[in-house]
C-alpha atoms as a PDB file:
ATOM      1  CA  UNK A   1      -0.255   0.186  -0.054  1.00  0.00           C
ATOM      2  CA  UNK A   2       2.773   2.245   1.090  1.00  0.00           C
ATOM      3  CA  UNK A   3       4.408   2.154  -2.644  1.00  0.00           C
ATOM      4  CA  UNK A   4       0.940   3.613  -4.165  1.00  0.00           C
ATOM      5  CA  UNK A   5       1.245   7.167  -2.631  1.00  0.00           C
ATOM      6  CA  UNK A   6       4.578   8.282  -4.387  1.00  0.00           C
ATOM      7  CA  UNK A   7       3.352   6.383  -7.733  1.00  0.00           C
ATOM      8  CA  UNK A   8       0.651   8.611  -8.013  1.00  0.00           C
ATOM      9  CA  UNK A   9       2.032  11.739  -7.294  1.00  0.00           C
ATOM     10  CA  UNK A  10       4.124  10.866 -10.116  1.00  0.00           C
ATOM     11  CA  UNK A  11       1.155  10.865 -12.171  1.00  0.00           C
ATOM     12  CA  UNK A  12       1.543   6.926 -12.484  1.00  0.00           C
ATOM     13  CA  UNK A  13      -2.462   6.259 -11.382  1.00  0.00           C
ATOM     14  CA  UNK A  14      -1.735   2.859 -13.072  1.00  0.00           C
ATOM     15  CA  UNK A  15       0.352   1.838 -11.089  1.00  0.00           C
ATOM     16  CA  UNK A  16      -0.469   2.871  -8.026  1.00  0.00           C
ATOM     17  CA  UNK A  17      -3.933   1.234  -8.679  1.00  0.00           C
ATOM     18  CA  UNK A  18      -2.425  -2.123  -9.267  1.00  0.00           C
ATOM     19  CA  UNK A  19      -0.369  -1.775  -6.064  1.00  0.00           C
ATOM     20  CA  UNK A  20      -3.573  -1.135  -4.178  1.00  0.00           C
ATOM     21  CA  UNK A  21      -5.836  -4.030  -6.322  1.00  0.00           C
ATOM     22  CA  UNK A  22      -2.879  -6.232  -4.654  1.00  0.00           C
ATOM     23  CA  UNK A  23      -2.762  -5.091  -1.406  1.00  0.00           C
ATOM     24  CA  UNK A  24      -7.036  -5.341  -1.445  1.00  0.00           C
ATOM     25  CA  UNK A  25      -6.484  -8.612  -2.614  1.00  0.00           C
ATOM     26  CA  UNK A  26      -3.881  -9.363   0.161  1.00  0.00           C
ATOM     27  CA  UNK A  27      -6.315  -7.619   2.843  1.00  0.00           C
ATOM     28  CA  UNK A  28      -9.128  -9.840   1.331  1.00  0.00           C
ATOM     29  CA  UNK A  29      -7.269 -12.876   2.028  1.00  0.00           C
ATOM     30  CA  UNK A  30      -5.939 -12.010   5.741  1.00  0.00           C
ATOM     31  CA  UNK A  31      -8.625 -10.272   7.022  1.00  0.00           C
ATOM     32  CA  UNK A  32      -8.195  -7.352   9.078  1.00  0.00           C
ATOM     33  CA  UNK A  33      -4.519  -7.041  11.016  1.00  0.00           C
ATOM     34  CA  UNK A  34      -3.365  -4.879  13.148  1.00  0.00           C
ATOM     35  CA  UNK A  35       0.456  -4.487  14.352  1.00  0.00           C
ATOM     36  CA  UNK A  36       2.633  -2.020  15.843  1.00  0.00           C
ATOM     37  CA  UNK A  37      -0.058   0.348  15.971  1.00  0.00           C
ATOM     38  CA  UNK A  38      -1.276  -0.193  11.809  1.00  0.00           C
ATOM     39  CA  UNK A  39      -4.131  -1.734  10.879  1.00  0.00           C
ATOM     40  CA  UNK A  40      -4.901  -3.081   7.582  1.00  0.00           C
ATOM     41  CA  UNK A  41      -7.947  -4.326   6.432  1.00  0.00           C
ATOM     42  CA  UNK A  42     -10.088  -4.193   3.262  1.00  0.00           C
ATOM     43  CA  UNK A  43     -11.967  -0.619   4.317  1.00  0.00           C
ATOM     44  CA  UNK A  44      -8.118   0.771   4.637  1.00  0.00           C
ATOM     45  CA  UNK A  45      -6.981   0.044   1.020  1.00  0.00           C
ATOM     46  CA  UNK A  46     -10.752   0.722   0.129  1.00  0.00           C
ATOM     47  CA  UNK A  47     -10.250   4.414   1.423  1.00  0.00           C
ATOM     48  CA  UNK A  48      -6.732   4.514   0.310  1.00  0.00           C
ATOM     49  CA  UNK A  49      -7.744   3.913  -3.569  1.00  0.00           C
ATOM     50  CA  UNK A  50     -10.259   7.173  -2.711  1.00  0.00           C
ATOM     51  CA  UNK A  51      -7.302   8.970  -1.429  1.00  0.00           C
ATOM     52  CA  UNK A  52      -4.599   7.942  -3.877  1.00  0.00           C
ATOM     53  CA  UNK A  53      -6.768   9.138  -6.926  1.00  0.00           C
ATOM     54  CA  UNK A  54      -7.023  12.572  -6.029  1.00  0.00           C
ATOM     55  CA  UNK A  55      -3.021  12.587  -4.523  1.00  0.00           C
ATOM     56  CA  UNK A  56      -1.503  13.961  -8.108  1.00  0.00           C
ATOM     57  CA  UNK A  57      -1.140  17.013  -9.811  1.00  0.00           C
ATOM     58  CA  UNK A  58      -3.771  15.339 -12.395  1.00  0.00           C
ATOM     59  CA  UNK A  59      -6.293  14.034  -9.797  1.00  0.00           C
ATOM     60  CA  UNK A  60      -8.996  11.930 -10.706  1.00  0.00           C
ATOM     61  CA  UNK A  61     -12.045  13.102  -8.335  1.00  0.00           C
ATOM     62  CA  UNK A  62     -14.869  10.921 -11.090  1.00  0.00           C
ATOM     63  CA  UNK A  63     -12.430   7.916 -10.053  1.00  0.00           C
ATOM     64  CA  UNK A  64     -12.245   9.070  -6.089  1.00  0.00           C
ATOM     65  CA  UNK A  65     -16.486   8.823  -5.976  1.00  0.00           C
ATOM     66  CA  UNK A  66     -16.603   6.105  -8.095  1.00  0.00           C
ATOM     67  CA  UNK A  67     -14.171   3.969  -5.408  1.00  0.00           C
ATOM     68  CA  UNK A  68     -16.254   5.883  -2.447  1.00  0.00           C
ATOM     69  CA  UNK A  69     -19.007   3.553  -3.333  1.00  0.00           C
ATOM     70  CA  UNK A  70     -16.971   0.811  -2.140  1.00  0.00           C
ATOM     71  CA  UNK A  71     -16.358   1.932   0.970  1.00  0.00           C
ATOM     72  CA  UNK A  72     -18.059   0.360   3.482  1.00  0.00           C
ATOM     73  CA  UNK A  73     -18.219   3.915   6.156  1.00  0.00           C
ATOM     74  CA  UNK A  74     -19.147   1.631   8.900  1.00  0.00           C
ATOM     75  CA  UNK A  75     -16.218  -0.743   9.029  1.00  0.00           C
ATOM     76  CA  UNK A  76     -13.858   2.695   9.800  1.00  0.00           C
ATOM     77  CA  UNK A  77     -13.325   1.657  12.960  1.00  0.00           C
ATOM     78  CA  UNK A  78     -10.766   4.679  13.844  1.00  0.00           C
ATOM     79  CA  UNK A  79     -12.094   8.490  14.161  1.00  0.00           C
ATOM     80  CA  UNK A  80      -9.229  10.017  12.416  1.00  0.00           C
ATOM     81  CA  UNK A  81      -9.450   7.347   9.514  1.00  0.00           C
ATOM     82  CA  UNK A  82     -13.150   8.278   9.138  1.00  0.00           C
ATOM     83  CA  UNK A  83     -12.307  12.576   9.267  1.00  0.00           C
ATOM     84  CA  UNK A  84      -9.241  11.868   6.381  1.00  0.00           C
ATOM     85  CA  UNK A  85     -11.756   9.724   4.231  1.00  0.00           C
ATOM     86  CA  UNK A  86     -14.315  12.148   4.320  1.00  0.00           C
ATOM     87  CA  UNK A  87     -12.171  14.924   3.844  1.00  0.00           C
ATOM     88  CA  UNK A  88     -11.049  13.083   0.341  1.00  0.00           C
ATOM     89  CA  UNK A  89     -14.600  12.376  -0.186  1.00  0.00           C
ATOM     90  CA  UNK A  90     -15.527  15.880  -0.164  1.00  0.00           C
ATOM     91  CA  UNK A  91     -12.811  17.230  -1.922  1.00  0.00           C
ATOM     92  CA  UNK A  92     -13.546  14.852  -4.921  1.00  0.00           C
ATOM     93  CA  UNK A  93     -17.296  15.710  -5.017  1.00  0.00           C
ATOM     94  CA  UNK A  94     -16.051  19.166  -4.691  1.00  0.00           C
ATOM     95  CA  UNK A  95     -14.082  18.779  -7.646  1.00  0.00           C
ATOM     96  CA  UNK A  96     -16.614  17.461  -9.523  1.00  0.00           C
ATOM     97  CA  UNK A  97     -18.830  20.690  -9.041  1.00  0.00           C
ATOM     98  CA  UNK A  98     -21.033  18.799  -6.199  1.00  0.00           C
ATOM     99  CA  UNK A  99     -20.662  21.672  -3.390  1.00  0.00           C
ATOM    100  CA  UNK A 100     -23.907  20.607  -1.537  1.00  0.00           C
ATOM    101  CA  UNK A 101     -22.468  17.066  -1.050  1.00  0.00           C
ATOM    102  CA  UNK A 102     -19.033  18.794  -0.348  1.00  0.00           C
ATOM    103  CA  UNK A 103     -20.621  20.588   2.236  1.00  0.00           C
ATOM    104  CA  UNK A 104     -23.405  17.875   3.459  1.00  0.00           C
ATOM    105  CA  UNK A 105     -20.286  15.507   3.761  1.00  0.00           C
ATOM    106  CA  UNK A 106     -18.375  17.369   6.123  1.00  0.00           C
ATOM    107  CA  UNK A 107     -21.345  17.836   8.411  1.00  0.00           C
ATOM    108  CA  UNK A 108     -22.033  14.527   9.392  1.00  0.00           C
ATOM    109  CA  UNK A 109     -22.372  14.248  12.726  1.00  0.00           C
ATOM    110  CA  UNK A 110     -22.021  10.788  14.739  1.00  0.00           C
ATOM    111  CA  UNK A 111     -24.927   9.355  16.002  1.00  0.00           C
ATOM    112  CA  UNK A 112     -26.352  13.326  17.304  1.00  0.00           C
ATOM    113  CA  UNK A 113     -23.460  13.213  19.679  1.00  0.00           C
ATOM    114  CA  UNK A 114     -22.013  16.838  18.014  1.00  0.00           C
ATOM    115  CA  UNK A 115     -19.197  15.007  17.797  1.00  0.00           C
ATOM    116  CA  UNK A 116     -18.132  15.291  13.789  1.00  0.00           C
ATOM    117  CA  UNK A 117     -16.885  11.832  12.557  1.00  0.00           C
END
């Protein structure tokens, strides 16, 4: 997964997506893994696909939104991960001209508690 970000930043989107496809296949086989303070799961890889689609001088917000369709938001267990994913999703929405959805994405409140997730 770590190799996908530098590839995307060099505008090698195909390489980045190949790395993430391999990571997703590994996550499916291994199940959720936590080690050395990091987490690795299918949802981690899928949210990374959204992020990577935006991480270059030639962002692909349409692709990011397509990848976002596969993300199970309820499976995101860490609040910081959820917040980062929502920022990426809102950025893609905004870049495709959907500023209303981008704002709504950022206003999602967790269970009425008043805490943004």
